[in-house]
PDB file of N, CA and C in Angstrom:
ATOM      1  N   UNK A   1       0.838  -1.190   0.000  1.00  0.00           N
ATOM      2  CA  UNK A   1       0.000   0.000   0.000  1.00  0.00           C
ATOM      3  C   UNK A   1       0.880   1.249   0.000  1.00  0.00           C
ATOM      4  N   UNK A   2       0.416   2.229  -0.661  1.00  0.00           N
ATOM      5  CA  UNK A   2       1.114   3.509  -0.720  1.00  0.00           C
ATOM      6  C   UNK A   2       1.106   4.126   0.670  1.00  0.00           C
ATOM      7  N   UNK A   3       2.240   4.658   1.093  1.00  0.00           N
ATOM      8  CA  UNK A   3       2.373   5.088   2.492  1.00  0.00           C
ATOM      9  C   UNK A   3       1.516   6.275   2.894  1.00  0.00           C
ATOM     10  N   UNK A   4       1.074   7.079   1.978  1.00  0.00           N
ATOM     11  CA  UNK A   4       0.276   8.253   2.342  1.00  0.00           C
ATOM     12  C   UNK A   4      -1.179   8.051   1.941  1.00  0.00           C
ATOM     13  N   UNK A   5      -1.925   7.323   2.760  1.00  0.00           N
ATOM     14  CA  UNK A   5      -3.344   7.184   2.500  1.00  0.00           C
ATOM     15  C   UNK A   5      -3.821   5.759   2.316  1.00  0.00           C
ATOM     16  N   UNK A   6      -2.930   4.780   2.378  1.00  0.00           N
ATOM     17  CA  UNK A   6      -3.352   3.392   2.301  1.00  0.00           C
ATOM     18  C   UNK A   6      -3.923   2.982   0.953  1.00  0.00           C
ATOM     19  N   UNK A   7      -3.416   3.530  -0.128  1.00  0.00           N
ATOM     20  CA  UNK A   7      -3.906   3.206  -1.465  1.00  0.00           C
ATOM     21  C   UNK A   7      -3.056   2.077  -2.041  1.00  0.00           C
ATOM     22  N   UNK A   8      -3.711   1.070  -2.623  1.00  0.00           N
ATOM     23  CA  UNK A   8      -2.993  -0.009  -3.290  1.00  0.00           C
ATOM     24  C   UNK A   8      -2.198   0.594  -4.450  1.00  0.00           C
ATOM     25  N   UNK A   9      -0.937   0.192  -4.584  1.00  0.00           N
ATOM     26  CA  UNK A   9      -0.065   0.790  -5.598  1.00  0.00           C
ATOM     27  C   UNK A   9      -0.579   0.530  -7.017  1.00  0.00           C
ATOM     28  N   UNK A  10      -1.308  -0.576  -7.209  1.00  0.00           N
ATOM     29  CA  UNK A  10      -1.858  -0.857  -8.542  1.00  0.00           C
ATOM     30  C   UNK A  10      -2.961   0.125  -8.896  1.00  0.00           C
ATOM     31  N   UNK A  11      -3.738   0.521  -7.899  1.00  0.00           N
ATOM     32  CA  UNK A  11      -4.774   1.529  -8.129  1.00  0.00           C
ATOM     33  C   UNK A  11      -4.109   2.868  -8.435  1.00  0.00           C
ATOM     34  N   UNK A  12      -3.082   3.195  -7.664  1.00  0.00           N
ATOM     35  CA  UNK A  12      -2.351   4.444  -7.894  1.00  0.00           C
ATOM     36  C   UNK A  12      -1.747   4.469  -9.300  1.00  0.00           C
ATOM     37  N   UNK A  13      -1.234   3.318  -9.750  1.00  0.00           N
ATOM     38  CA  UNK A  13      -0.683   3.197 -11.109  1.00  0.00           C
ATOM     39  C   UNK A  13      -1.736   3.584 -12.143  1.00  0.00           C
ATOM     40  N   UNK A  14      -2.954   3.072 -11.973  1.00  0.00           N
ATOM     41  CA  UNK A  14      -4.022   3.379 -12.919  1.00  0.00           C
ATOM     42  C   UNK A  14      -4.431   4.848 -12.851  1.00  0.00           C
ATOM     43  N   UNK A  15      -4.512   5.382 -11.646  1.00  0.00           N
ATOM     44  CA  UNK A  15      -4.898   6.792 -11.472  1.00  0.00           C
ATOM     45  C   UNK A  15      -3.886   7.710 -12.152  1.00  0.00           C
ATOM     46  N   UNK A  16      -2.598   7.370 -12.016  1.00  0.00           N
ATOM     47  CA  UNK A  16      -1.545   8.205 -12.606  1.00  0.00           C
ATOM     48  C   UNK A  16      -1.358   7.954 -14.099  1.00  0.00           C
ATOM     49  N   UNK A  17      -1.991   6.886 -14.609  1.00  0.00           N
ATOM     50  CA  UNK A  17      -1.903   6.603 -16.040  1.00  0.00           C
ATOM     51  C   UNK A  17      -0.603   5.933 -16.449  1.00  0.00           C
ATOM     52  N   UNK A  18       0.085   5.317 -15.509  1.00  0.00           N
ATOM     53  CA  UNK A  18       1.324   4.628 -15.851  1.00  0.00           C
ATOM     54  C   UNK A  18       1.011   3.271 -16.475  1.00  0.00           C
ATOM     55  N   UNK A  19       1.781   2.910 -17.496  1.00  0.00           N
ATOM     56  CA  UNK A  19       1.607   1.598 -18.103  1.00  0.00           C
ATOM     57  C   UNK A  19       2.371   0.534 -17.318  1.00  0.00           C
ATOM     58  N   UNK A  20       3.453   0.929 -16.679  1.00  0.00           N
ATOM     59  CA  UNK A  20       4.330  -0.002 -15.990  1.00  0.00           C
ATOM     60  C   UNK A  20       4.317   0.296 -14.502  1.00  0.00           C
ATOM     61  N   UNK A  21       4.150  -0.728 -13.679  1.00  0.00           N
ATOM     62  CA  UNK A  21       4.150  -0.549 -12.228  1.00  0.00           C
ATOM     63  C   UNK A  21       5.489   0.005 -11.744  1.00  0.00           C
ATOM     64  N   UNK A  22       6.557  -0.338 -12.435  1.00  0.00           N
ATOM     65  CA  UNK A  22       7.876   0.164 -12.069  1.00  0.00           C
ATOM     66  C   UNK A  22       7.954   1.684 -12.100  1.00  0.00           C
ATOM     67  N   UNK A  23       7.233   2.293 -13.023  1.00  0.00           N
ATOM     68  CA  UNK A  23       7.204   3.757 -13.095  1.00  0.00           C
ATOM     69  C   UNK A  23       6.555   4.333 -11.845  1.00  0.00           C
ATOM     70  N   UNK A  24       5.470   3.728 -11.405  1.00  0.00           N
ATOM     71  CA  UNK A  24       4.777   4.192 -10.200  1.00  0.00           C
ATOM     72  C   UNK A  24       5.664   4.011  -8.978  1.00  0.00           C
ATOM     73  N   UNK A  25       6.413   2.910  -8.929  1.00  0.00           N
ATOM     74  CA  UNK A  25       7.286   2.640  -7.789  1.00  0.00           C
ATOM     75  C   UNK A  25       8.355   3.723  -7.613  1.00  0.00           C
ATOM     76  N   UNK A  26       8.750   4.349  -8.695  1.00  0.00           N
ATOM     77  CA  UNK A  26       9.740   5.422  -8.617  1.00  0.00           C
ATOM     78  C   UNK A  26       9.222   6.560  -7.738  1.00  0.00           C
ATOM     79  N   UNK A  27       7.918   6.800  -7.779  1.00  0.00           N
ATOM     80  CA  UNK A  27       7.322   7.918  -7.060  1.00  0.00           C
ATOM     81  C   UNK A  27       6.782   7.547  -5.686  1.00  0.00           C
ATOM     82  N   UNK A  28       6.875   6.287  -5.320  1.00  0.00           N
ATOM     83  CA  UNK A  28       6.409   5.871  -3.999  1.00  0.00           C
ATOM     84  C   UNK A  28       7.608   5.444  -3.166  1.00  0.00           C
ATOM     85  N   UNK A  29       7.567   5.749  -1.911  1.00  0.00           N
ATOM     86  CA  UNK A  29       8.679   5.428  -1.014  1.00  0.00           C
ATOM     87  C   UNK A  29       8.116   4.704   0.195  1.00  0.00           C
ATOM     88  N   UNK A  30       8.604   3.506   0.421  1.00  0.00           N
ATOM     89  CA  UNK A  30       8.139   2.699   1.531  1.00  0.00           C
ATOM     90  C   UNK A  30       9.227   2.593   2.583  1.00  0.00           C
ATOM     91  N   UNK A  31       8.820   2.602   3.823  1.00  0.00           N
ATOM     92  CA  UNK A  31       9.782   2.429   4.900  1.00  0.00           C
ATOM     93  C   UNK A  31      10.027   0.941   5.117  1.00  0.00           C
ATOM     94  N   UNK A  32      11.116   0.603   5.771  1.00  0.00           N
ATOM     95  CA  UNK A  32      11.417  -0.790   6.084  1.00  0.00           C
ATOM     96  C   UNK A  32      10.311  -1.387   6.943  1.00  0.00           C
ATOM     97  N   UNK A  33       9.753  -0.591   7.847  1.00  0.00           N
ATOM     98  CA  UNK A  33       8.672  -1.057   8.713  1.00  0.00           C
ATOM     99  C   UNK A  33       7.433  -1.406   7.886  1.00  0.00           C
ATOM    100  N   UNK A  34       7.119  -0.596   6.885  1.00  0.00           N
ATOM    101  CA  UNK A  34       5.955  -0.875   6.038  1.00  0.00           C
ATOM    102  C   UNK A  34       6.163  -2.156   5.234  1.00  0.00           C
ATOM    103  N   UNK A  35       7.368  -2.368   4.754  1.00  0.00           N
ATOM    104  CA  UNK A  35       7.669  -3.576   3.990  1.00  0.00           C
ATOM    105  C   UNK A  35       7.569  -4.803   4.899  1.00  0.00           C
ATOM    106  N   UNK A  36       8.104  -4.717   6.108  1.00  0.00           N
ATOM    107  CA  UNK A  36       8.047  -5.810   7.067  1.00  0.00           C
ATOM    108  C   UNK A  36       6.600  -6.156   7.399  1.00  0.00           C
ATOM    109  N   UNK A  37       5.798  -5.129   7.668  1.00  0.00           N
ATOM    110  CA  UNK A  37       4.401  -5.346   8.030  1.00  0.00           C
ATOM    111  C   UNK A  37       3.630  -5.967   6.866  1.00  0.00           C
ATOM    112  N   UNK A  38       3.880  -5.508   5.663  1.00  0.00           N
ATOM    113  CA  UNK A  38       3.199  -6.069   4.495  1.00  0.00           C
ATOM    114  C   UNK A  38       3.561  -7.544   4.318  1.00  0.00           C
ATOM    115  N   UNK A  39       4.818  -7.890   4.526  1.00  0.00           N
ATOM    116  CA  UNK A  39       5.240  -9.286   4.415  1.00  0.00           C
ATOM    117  C   UNK A  39       4.570 -10.143   5.484  1.00  0.00           C
ATOM    118  N   UNK A  40       4.486  -9.627   6.696  1.00  0.00           N
ATOM    119  CA  UNK A  40       3.847 -10.370   7.790  1.00  0.00           C
ATOM    120  C   UNK A  40       2.337 -10.508   7.574  1.00  0.00           C
ATOM    121  N   UNK A  41       1.707  -9.497   7.004  1.00  0.00           N
ATOM    122  CA  UNK A  41       0.260  -9.512   6.782  1.00  0.00           C
ATOM    123  C   UNK A  41      -0.149 -10.358   5.577  1.00  0.00           C
ATOM    124  N   UNK A  42       0.809 -10.711   4.748  1.00  0.00           N
ATOM    125  CA  UNK A  42       0.527 -11.506   3.570  1.00  0.00           C
ATOM    126  C   UNK A  42       0.070 -12.900   4.003  1.00  0.00           C
ATOM    127  N   UNK A  43      -1.104 -13.349   3.554  1.00  0.00           N
ATOM    128  CA  UNK A  43      -1.596 -14.670   3.955  1.00  0.00           C
ATOM    129  C   UNK A  43      -0.616 -15.802   3.638  1.00  0.00           C
ATOM    130  N   UNK A  44       0.188 -15.643   2.603  1.00  0.00           N
ATOM    131  CA  UNK A  44       1.143 -16.689   2.251  1.00  0.00           C
ATOM    132  C   UNK A  44       2.272 -16.820   3.267  1.00  0.00           C
ATOM    133  N   UNK A  45       2.451 -15.810   4.112  1.00  0.00           N
ATOM    134  CA  UNK A  45       3.520 -15.890   5.112  1.00  0.00           C
ATOM    135  C   UNK A  45       3.200 -16.917   6.184  1.00  0.00           C
ATOM    136  N   UNK A  46       1.937 -17.353   6.265  1.00  0.00           N
ATOM    137  CA  UNK A  46       1.536 -18.319   7.284  1.00  0.00           C
ATOM    138  C   UNK A  46       1.385 -19.735   6.728  1.00  0.00           C
ATOM    139  N   UNK A  47       1.692 -19.920   5.449  1.00  0.00           N
ATOM    140  CA  UNK A  47       1.591 -21.241   4.837  1.00  0.00           C
ATOM    141  C   UNK A  47       2.786 -22.077   5.285  1.00  0.00           C
ATOM    142  N   UNK A  48       2.487 -23.284   5.741  1.00  0.00           N
ATOM    143  CA  UNK A  48       3.552 -24.190   6.156  1.00  0.00           C
ATOM    144  C   UNK A  48       3.837 -25.144   5.011  1.00  0.00           C
ATOM    145  N   UNK A  49       5.100 -25.267   4.665  1.00  0.00           N
ATOM    146  CA  UNK A  49       5.511 -26.127   3.569  1.00  0.00           C
ATOM    147  C   UNK A  49       5.835 -27.505   4.127  1.00  0.00           C
ATOM    148  N   UNK A  50       5.276 -28.521   3.494  1.00  0.00           N
ATOM    149  CA  UNK A  50       5.570 -29.885   3.915  1.00  0.00           C
ATOM    150  C   UNK A  50       6.982 -30.228   3.453  1.00  0.00           C
ATOM    151  N   UNK A  51       7.755 -30.896   4.304  1.00  0.00           N
ATOM    152  CA  UNK A  51       9.107 -31.288   3.887  1.00  0.00           C
ATOM    153  C   UNK A  51       9.038 -32.340   2.786  1.00  0.00           C
ATOM    154  N   UNK A  52      10.010 -32.308   1.897  1.00  0.00           N
ATOM    155  CA  UNK A  52      10.076 -33.306   0.836  1.00  0.00           C
ATOM    156  C   UNK A  52      10.521 -34.633   1.444  1.00  0.00           C
ATOM    157  N   UNK A  53      10.385 -35.720   0.708  1.00  0.00           N
ATOM    158  CA  UNK A  53      10.797 -37.019   1.236  1.00  0.00           C
ATOM    159  C   UNK A  53      12.291 -37.024   1.535  1.00  0.00           C
ATOM    160  N   UNK A  54      13.092 -36.338   0.734  1.00  0.00           N
ATOM    161  CA  UNK A  54      14.535 -36.269   0.979  1.00  0.00           C
ATOM    162  C   UNK A  54      14.820 -35.530   2.284  1.00  0.00           C
ATOM    163  N   UNK A  55      14.072 -34.463   2.547  1.00  0.00           N
ATOM    164  CA  UNK A  55      14.262 -33.710   3.792  1.00  0.00           C
ATOM    165  C   UNK A  55      13.833 -34.540   4.997  1.00  0.00           C
ATOM    166  N   UNK A  56      12.767 -35.325   4.834  1.00  0.00           N
ATOM    167  CA  UNK A  56      12.308 -36.178   5.940  1.00  0.00           C
ATOM    168  C   UNK A  56      13.336 -37.254   6.256  1.00  0.00           C
ATOM    169  N   UNK A  57      13.992 -37.782   5.245  1.00  0.00           N
ATOM    170  CA  UNK A  57      14.990 -38.826   5.454  1.00  0.00           C
ATOM    171  C   UNK A  57      16.212 -38.282   6.181  1.00  0.00           C
ATOM    172  N   UNK A  58      16.574 -37.030   5.949  1.00  0.00           N
ATOM    173  CA  UNK A  58      17.736 -36.412   6.604  1.00  0.00           C
ATOM    174  C   UNK A  58      17.445 -36.063   8.050  1.00  0.00           C
ATOM    175  N   UNK A  59      16.201 -35.775   8.364  1.00  0.00           N
ATOM    176  CA  UNK A  59      15.809 -35.332   9.697  1.00  0.00           C
ATOM    177  C   UNK A  59      15.787 -36.512  10.671  1.00  0.00           C
ATOM    178  N   UNK A  60      16.393 -36.338  11.868  1.00  0.00           N
ATOM    179  CA  UNK A  60      16.359 -37.436  12.854  1.00  0.00           C
ATOM    180  C   UNK A  60      14.935 -37.627  13.380  1.00  0.00           C
ATOM    181  N   UNK A  61      14.528 -38.865  13.556  1.00  0.00           N
ATOM    182  CA  UNK A  61      13.185 -39.179  14.061  1.00  0.00           C
ATOM    183  C   UNK A  61      13.138 -38.932  15.563  1.00  0.00           C
ATOM    184  N   UNK A  62      12.067 -38.303  16.001  1.00  0.00           N
ATOM    185  CA  UNK A  62      11.887 -38.056  17.439  1.00  0.00           C
ATOM    186  C   UNK A  62      11.372 -39.328  18.088  1.00  0.00           C
ATOM    187  N   UNK A  63      11.968 -39.673  19.193  1.00  0.00           N
ATOM    188  CA  UNK A  63      11.524 -40.864  19.934  1.00  0.00           C
ATOM    189  C   UNK A  63      10.631 -40.422  21.067  1.00  0.00           C
ATOM    190  N   UNK A  64       9.539 -41.133  21.272  1.00  0.00           N
ATOM    191  CA  UNK A  64       8.634 -40.681  22.303  1.00  0.00           C
ATOM    192  C   UNK A  64       7.998 -41.726  23.003  1.00  0.00           C
TER     193      UNK A  64
END
């Protein structure tokens, strides 16, 4: 989101008439905190990846 007003950068791109999102990015400045928060808020950040069979074979089995 654009830092001044919470506007999605894609919407801002259309409003400004830019054909390329990269052009819009030149005029927007995000803080490290905003980038961190956006990454944490992304639903994909909570997806757990299942280990591959090769990774499972390398991992020591827990005894219980």
